[in-house]
Amino acid sequence: MCGAQACAQIGAFAVAALMPTLLAVWSLTHTQGGWISGIYYAAYTLAVPLLSSLTDRVDPRRIYLGSVALTALAFAGFAWAATGFWSALAFRALMGVGWAGSYMPGLKALSDLVEGPGQSRAVAAHAAAVGVSGALSFGVAGVVNSWLGWQWALVPGALGAALAFLLVLVEVPARRPQPASGPRGALLDFRPILRNRSALAYSLAYCVHTWEMSALRAWVVTFLTFAVAQSTGAWAPIAPATVASVMGLLGVWASVWGNELAIRFGRRRFIVGTLIASAAMAGGIGFSAALPYAATALLVLGDAILIWSDSS
């Protein structure tokens, strides 16, 4: 399952890495580029409560297989059938639905099949596989784009999702969900969470955290490309897509290390501190394009460390 999730994520941020190219090829406005980036998360948000809740009633493996199949078709369609804003928007939304049905349902399928002390390690390995593969997706798309063009840069996403389908189909056994011991509640009943003020507060804080993280992922390559173009002959030792991959890998480390720091200094104190620090940096980092490119890239990496640190 961890291998399948790594395959499914290898195209996760290919569209973000290709955004400077797509803006030019399809003559998109920046607002249209933002919609193509954002519709992925909007579709995910709408689909994930239903698809995740269904894993208590349907074998998560079945939901996962259908979702990664949809992901493969969506990547192929974006590469070879999309011709502009509206068609790209539709295929990008399908990518979001596909990830909604593969991330949490995949984790549920994994946790259902592993018990005891091995379960927490399996969950940690799952998170690492998703995080590392998602980080590498920036660099993979950037390299393939420079070699073969933007359409081929989306092919790893389609092939990775197809390979994830085969891995789970062959290696992950089917398992019927256990019947509930008491009366079964409504499928989308969020009232218990709304009544829990602490859980609601953490959910809202994590919403802000995810908003900031998603915005950085969506625009980092475009922003750094803009920064390079600000001065002729700017020294760019690392390509923007590669910086984005390094950012994602640092994020995996920062998330783990942030949890250790939260244990040492107190979770609430640590999270409040990192939220304030990342808010301050986010307020100014957009203006750093006037600096030398290397300095801008380092500021982006520093911002990413702060953002991912409060994942814990």
Protein backbone atom coordinates (compact mmCIF):
# COMPACT_ATOMS: atom_id res chain seq x y z
CA MET A 1 0.00 0.00 0.00
CA CYS A 2 2.86 2.40 0.78
CA GLY A 3 4.42 1.64 -2.59
CA ALA A 4 1.08 2.20 -4.30
CA GLN A 5 0.64 5.57 -2.58
CA ALA A 6 4.14 6.62 -3.65
CA CYS A 7 3.23 5.74 -7.25
CA ALA A 8 -0.10 7.55 -7.02
CA GLN A 9 1.59 10.75 -5.78
CA ILE A 10 4.41 10.95 -8.32
CA GLY A 11 2.30 13.33 -10.41
CA ALA A 12 0.68 15.16 -7.50
CA PHE A 13 2.18 18.59 -8.13
CA ALA A 14 3.05 18.25 -11.80
CA VAL A 15 0.44 20.86 -12.75
CA ALA A 16 1.92 23.32 -10.23
CA ALA A 17 5.40 22.69 -11.66
CA LEU A 18 4.08 23.26 -15.18
CA MET A 19 1.99 26.36 -14.41
CA PRO A 20 4.44 28.89 -15.96
CA THR A 21 4.33 26.85 -19.19
CA LEU A 22 0.55 26.42 -19.12
CA LEU A 23 0.00 30.16 -18.60
CA ALA A 24 1.93 30.79 -21.82
CA VAL A 25 0.68 27.85 -23.93
CA TRP A 26 -3.03 28.50 -23.28
CA SER A 27 -2.73 32.29 -22.82
CA LEU A 28 -4.25 32.00 -19.35
CA THR A 29 -4.70 34.86 -16.94
CA HIS A 30 -3.21 34.42 -13.48
CA THR A 31 -6.74 34.12 -12.11
CA GLN A 32 -7.46 31.23 -14.48
CA GLY A 33 -4.20 29.60 -13.42
CA GLY A 34 -5.32 29.97 -9.83
CA TRP A 35 -8.64 28.28 -10.60
CA ILE A 36 -6.87 25.34 -12.27
CA SER A 37 -4.69 24.99 -9.17
CA GLY A 38 -7.51 25.50 -6.69
CA ILE A 39 -10.21 23.33 -8.26
CA TYR A 40 -8.12 20.29 -7.30
CA TYR A 41 -8.50 21.12 -3.61
CA ALA A 42 -12.15 22.16 -4.00
CA ALA A 43 -13.02 18.81 -5.59
CA TYR A 44 -11.02 16.98 -2.91
CA THR A 45 -12.84 18.88 -0.14
CA LEU A 46 -16.27 18.03 -1.53
CA ALA A 47 -15.50 14.37 -2.24
CA VAL A 48 -13.39 13.31 0.75
CA PRO A 49 -16.11 13.40 3.46
CA LEU A 50 -18.30 11.05 1.43
CA LEU A 51 -15.57 8.71 0.19
CA SER A 52 -13.83 8.50 3.57
CA SER A 53 -17.10 7.87 5.41
CA LEU A 54 -17.99 5.11 2.96
CA THR A 55 -14.95 3.10 4.08
CA ASP A 56 -16.96 2.09 7.19
CA ARG A 57 -19.56 0.48 4.93
CA VAL A 58 -17.63 -0.55 1.79
CA ASP A 59 -14.26 -2.27 1.44
CA PRO A 60 -11.73 0.64 1.22
CA ARG A 61 -9.84 -1.34 -1.40
CA ARG A 62 -12.75 -1.00 -3.84
CA ILE A 63 -12.93 2.77 -3.32
CA TYR A 64 -9.16 3.01 -3.74
CA LEU A 65 -9.08 1.05 -7.00
CA GLY A 66 -11.82 3.15 -8.56
CA SER A 67 -10.14 6.37 -7.45
CA VAL A 68 -6.64 5.65 -8.77
CA ALA A 69 -8.20 4.51 -12.07
CA LEU A 70 -9.96 7.88 -12.24
CA THR A 71 -6.65 9.61 -11.40
CA ALA A 72 -4.87 7.87 -14.28
CA LEU A 73 -7.61 8.89 -16.73
CA ALA A 74 -7.59 12.47 -15.42
CA PHE A 75 -3.83 12.86 -15.93
CA ALA A 76 -4.00 11.38 -19.41
CA GLY A 77 -6.94 13.62 -20.27
CA PHE A 78 -5.21 16.75 -18.97
CA ALA A 79 -2.14 15.92 -21.07
CA TRP A 80 -3.76 14.91 -24.36
CA ALA A 81 -7.38 16.09 -24.39
CA ALA A 82 -7.33 19.45 -22.58
CA THR A 83 -7.12 22.42 -24.96
CA GLY A 84 -7.62 25.38 -22.65
CA PHE A 85 -9.05 26.68 -19.42
CA TRP A 86 -12.39 24.87 -19.16
CA SER A 87 -11.23 21.42 -20.25
CA ALA A 88 -8.15 21.70 -18.01
CA LEU A 89 -10.40 22.74 -15.13
CA ALA A 90 -12.57 19.63 -15.59
CA PHE A 91 -9.66 17.19 -15.70
CA ARG A 92 -7.96 18.91 -12.75
CA ALA A 93 -11.16 18.52 -10.71
CA LEU A 94 -11.19 14.79 -11.52
CA MET A 95 -7.63 14.57 -10.19
CA GLY A 96 -8.88 16.02 -6.90
CA VAL A 97 -11.72 13.49 -6.67
CA GLY A 98 -9.24 10.70 -7.42
CA TRP A 99 -6.93 11.77 -4.61
CA ALA A 100 -9.88 12.10 -2.22
CA GLY A 101 -10.72 8.46 -2.84
CA SER A 102 -7.15 7.17 -2.61
CA TYR A 103 -5.42 9.04 0.25
CA MET A 104 -7.69 8.47 3.28
CA PRO A 105 -9.32 5.26 1.96
CA GLY A 106 -5.82 3.93 1.26
CA LEU A 107 -4.78 4.73 4.81
CA LYS A 108 -7.97 3.06 6.11
CA ALA A 109 -7.25 -0.07 4.07
CA LEU A 110 -3.74 -0.13 5.51
CA SER A 111 -4.78 0.36 9.14
CA ASP A 112 -7.51 -2.30 8.82
CA LEU A 113 -4.93 -4.90 7.80
CA VAL A 114 -2.22 -4.11 10.38
CA GLU A 115 -2.72 -4.49 14.11
CA GLY A 116 -0.66 -3.92 17.25
CA PRO A 117 2.61 -1.92 17.41
CA GLY A 118 3.14 -2.35 13.68
CA GLN A 119 0.13 -0.20 12.90
CA SER A 120 1.68 3.11 13.98
CA ARG A 121 4.84 2.29 12.02
CA ALA A 122 2.75 1.43 8.97
CA VAL A 123 0.91 4.75 9.24
CA ALA A 124 4.24 6.61 9.55
CA ALA A 125 5.60 4.78 6.50
CA HIS A 126 2.43 5.69 4.61
CA ALA A 127 2.89 9.39 5.46
CA ALA A 128 6.55 9.26 4.44
CA ALA A 129 5.75 7.56 1.13
CA VAL A 130 3.12 10.18 0.29
CA GLY A 131 5.30 13.10 1.40
CA VAL A 132 8.50 12.07 -0.37
CA SER A 133 6.75 11.11 -3.60
CA GLY A 134 4.74 14.34 -3.63
CA ALA A 135 7.95 16.32 -3.14
CA LEU A 136 9.69 14.50 -5.98
CA SER A 137 6.73 15.15 -8.30
CA PHE A 138 7.87 18.77 -8.78
CA GLY A 139 11.33 17.76 -9.96
CA VAL A 140 10.09 14.85 -12.08
CA ALA A 141 7.66 17.11 -13.94
CA GLY A 142 10.32 19.79 -14.38
CA VAL A 143 12.88 17.38 -15.83
CA VAL A 144 10.44 15.65 -18.19
CA ASN A 145 9.09 19.05 -19.31
CA SER A 146 12.59 20.24 -20.21
CA TRP A 147 13.29 17.02 -22.13
CA LEU A 148 10.02 16.13 -23.83
CA GLY A 149 7.52 18.95 -23.27
CA TRP A 150 4.69 19.67 -20.83
CA GLN A 151 2.29 16.98 -22.07
CA TRP A 152 4.80 14.20 -21.42
CA ALA A 153 5.52 15.70 -18.00
CA LEU A 154 2.01 14.60 -16.95
CA VAL A 155 2.51 11.02 -18.11
CA PRO A 156 4.34 9.91 -14.90
CA GLY A 157 1.17 10.86 -12.98
CA ALA A 158 -0.97 8.67 -15.23
CA LEU A 159 1.46 5.75 -15.20
CA GLY A 160 2.01 6.02 -11.44
CA ALA A 161 -1.73 5.85 -10.74
CA ALA A 162 -2.07 2.87 -13.08
CA LEU A 163 0.78 1.08 -11.28
CA ALA A 164 -0.87 1.87 -7.92
CA PHE A 165 -4.03 0.20 -9.23
CA LEU A 166 -2.11 -2.97 -10.15
CA LEU A 167 -0.18 -3.10 -6.85
CA VAL A 168 -3.34 -2.87 -4.73
CA LEU A 169 -5.31 -5.20 -6.99
CA VAL A 170 -2.66 -7.93 -6.72
CA GLU A 171 -1.11 -7.43 -3.26
CA VAL A 172 -3.77 -5.97 -0.95
CA PRO A 173 -6.42 -8.49 0.12
CA ALA A 174 -10.10 -7.62 0.08
CA ARG A 175 -11.72 -7.18 3.48
CA ARG A 176 -15.36 -6.73 4.34
CA PRO A 177 -15.97 -3.88 6.85
CA GLN A 178 -16.96 -5.02 10.33
CA PRO A 179 -20.63 -4.36 11.18
CA ALA A 180 -21.21 -1.62 13.75
CA SER A 181 -21.86 -2.87 17.30
CA GLY A 182 -24.66 -0.36 17.89
CA PRO A 183 -27.10 1.53 15.71
CA ARG A 184 -25.42 2.97 12.63
CA GLY A 185 -25.41 6.77 12.46
CA ALA A 186 -25.91 8.97 9.44
CA LEU A 187 -23.18 8.86 6.82
CA LEU A 188 -22.23 12.55 7.10
CA ASP A 189 -23.08 13.42 10.70
CA PHE A 190 -20.58 16.04 11.89
CA ARG A 191 -22.51 17.10 14.97
CA PRO A 192 -20.20 15.28 17.45
CA ILE A 193 -17.21 17.21 16.06
CA LEU A 194 -19.04 20.53 16.13
CA ARG A 195 -19.88 19.94 19.78
CA ASN A 196 -16.24 19.26 20.66
CA ARG A 197 -14.75 22.76 20.91
CA SER A 198 -11.16 21.54 21.18
CA ALA A 199 -11.43 19.30 18.13
CA LEU A 200 -13.17 22.10 16.21
CA ALA A 201 -10.41 24.57 17.12
CA TYR A 202 -7.68 22.20 15.94
CA SER A 203 -9.65 21.52 12.73
CA LEU A 204 -9.95 25.22 11.97
CA ALA A 205 -6.26 25.79 12.73
CA TYR A 206 -5.33 22.89 10.48
CA CYS A 207 -7.56 24.39 7.79
CA VAL A 208 -5.48 27.57 7.90
CA HIS A 209 -2.26 25.54 7.90
CA THR A 210 -3.41 23.55 4.86
CA TRP A 211 -4.53 26.72 3.07
CA GLU A 212 -1.05 28.21 3.48
CA MET A 213 0.72 24.98 2.52
CA SER A 214 -1.46 24.45 -0.55
CA ALA A 215 -0.96 28.04 -1.72
CA LEU A 216 2.81 27.66 -1.47
CA ARG A 217 2.76 24.33 -3.33
CA ALA A 218 0.53 25.73 -6.07
CA TRP A 219 2.51 28.89 -6.77
CA VAL A 220 6.11 28.26 -5.68
CA VAL A 221 7.41 27.29 -9.15
CA THR A 222 5.60 30.20 -10.83
CA PHE A 223 6.84 32.61 -8.16
CA LEU A 224 10.47 31.48 -8.43
CA THR A 225 10.28 31.59 -12.24
CA PHE A 226 9.07 35.19 -11.89
CA ALA A 227 11.94 35.93 -9.49
CA VAL A 228 14.52 34.62 -11.97
CA ALA A 229 13.08 36.83 -14.71
CA GLN A 230 13.32 40.01 -12.63
CA SER A 231 17.00 40.54 -13.36
CA THR A 232 18.90 39.64 -16.52
CA GLY A 233 21.57 37.07 -15.92
CA ALA A 234 20.29 36.16 -12.47
CA TRP A 235 22.27 33.32 -10.90
CA ALA A 236 19.93 30.34 -10.67
CA PRO A 237 21.99 27.37 -9.42
CA ILE A 238 18.84 25.28 -8.86
CA ALA A 239 15.81 25.30 -11.15
CA PRO A 240 12.49 26.41 -9.59
CA ALA A 241 10.96 22.92 -9.88
CA THR A 242 13.98 21.43 -8.11
CA VAL A 243 13.69 24.01 -5.32
CA ALA A 244 10.06 22.94 -4.95
CA SER A 245 11.14 19.29 -4.59
CA VAL A 246 13.70 20.23 -1.94
CA MET A 247 10.93 22.21 -0.23
CA GLY A 248 8.70 19.14 -0.10
CA LEU A 249 11.49 16.93 1.27
CA LEU A 250 12.29 19.52 3.93
CA GLY A 251 8.59 19.55 4.73
CA VAL A 252 8.59 15.83 5.51
CA TRP A 253 11.52 16.35 7.89
CA ALA A 254 9.98 19.49 9.42
CA SER A 255 6.70 17.71 10.10
CA VAL A 256 8.46 14.91 12.03
CA TRP A 257 10.85 17.25 13.83
CA GLY A 258 8.02 19.66 14.61
CA ASN A 259 6.25 16.89 16.46
CA GLU A 260 9.35 16.24 18.55
CA LEU A 261 9.63 19.94 19.41
CA ALA A 262 5.92 20.06 20.25
CA ILE A 263 6.42 17.20 22.72
CA ARG A 264 9.36 19.00 24.32
CA PHE A 265 7.92 22.54 24.54
CA GLY A 266 4.20 21.82 24.72
CA ARG A 267 2.00 21.27 21.70
CA ARG A 268 -0.24 24.31 21.99
CA ARG A 269 2.63 26.71 22.70
CA PHE A 270 4.68 25.32 19.81
CA ILE A 271 1.82 25.43 17.30
CA VAL A 272 0.85 29.00 18.24
CA GLY A 273 4.48 30.09 17.86
CA THR A 274 4.95 28.50 14.45
CA LEU A 275 1.60 29.82 13.19
CA ILE A 276 2.56 33.36 14.14
CA ALA A 277 6.05 33.02 12.64
CA SER A 278 4.79 31.51 9.37
CA ALA A 279 2.08 34.21 9.12
CA ALA A 280 4.73 36.92 9.47
CA MET A 281 6.95 35.35 6.84
CA ALA A 282 4.05 34.70 4.46
CA GLY A 283 3.13 38.38 4.70
CA GLY A 284 6.47 39.43 3.29
CA ILE A 285 7.80 36.61 1.16
CA GLY A 286 5.84 37.66 -1.91
CA PHE A 287 7.90 40.87 -2.01
CA SER A 288 11.22 39.00 -1.96
CA ALA A 289 11.27 38.55 -5.74
CA ALA A 290 13.29 41.77 -5.89
CA LEU A 291 16.14 40.00 -4.03
CA PRO A 292 18.74 37.79 -5.74
CA TYR A 293 17.19 34.49 -6.81
CA ALA A 294 19.27 32.41 -4.39
CA ALA A 295 18.08 34.53 -1.46
CA THR A 296 14.45 34.25 -2.58
CA ALA A 297 14.78 30.46 -2.86
CA LEU A 298 16.26 30.25 0.65
CA LEU A 299 13.40 32.34 2.04
CA VAL A 300 10.89 29.99 0.38
CA LEU A 301 12.58 27.00 1.99
CA GLY A 302 12.56 28.71 5.38
CA ASP A 303 8.87 29.50 5.01
CA ALA A 304 8.17 25.89 4.10
CA ILE A 305 9.94 24.63 7.24
CA LEU A 306 7.72 26.86 9.39
CA ILE A 307 4.55 25.82 7.57
CA TRP A 308 5.19 22.08 7.76
CA SER A 309 6.41 22.28 11.37
CA ASP A 310 2.90 22.95 12.64
CA SER A 311 1.51 19.88 10.85
CA SER A 312 2.00 18.10 14.16
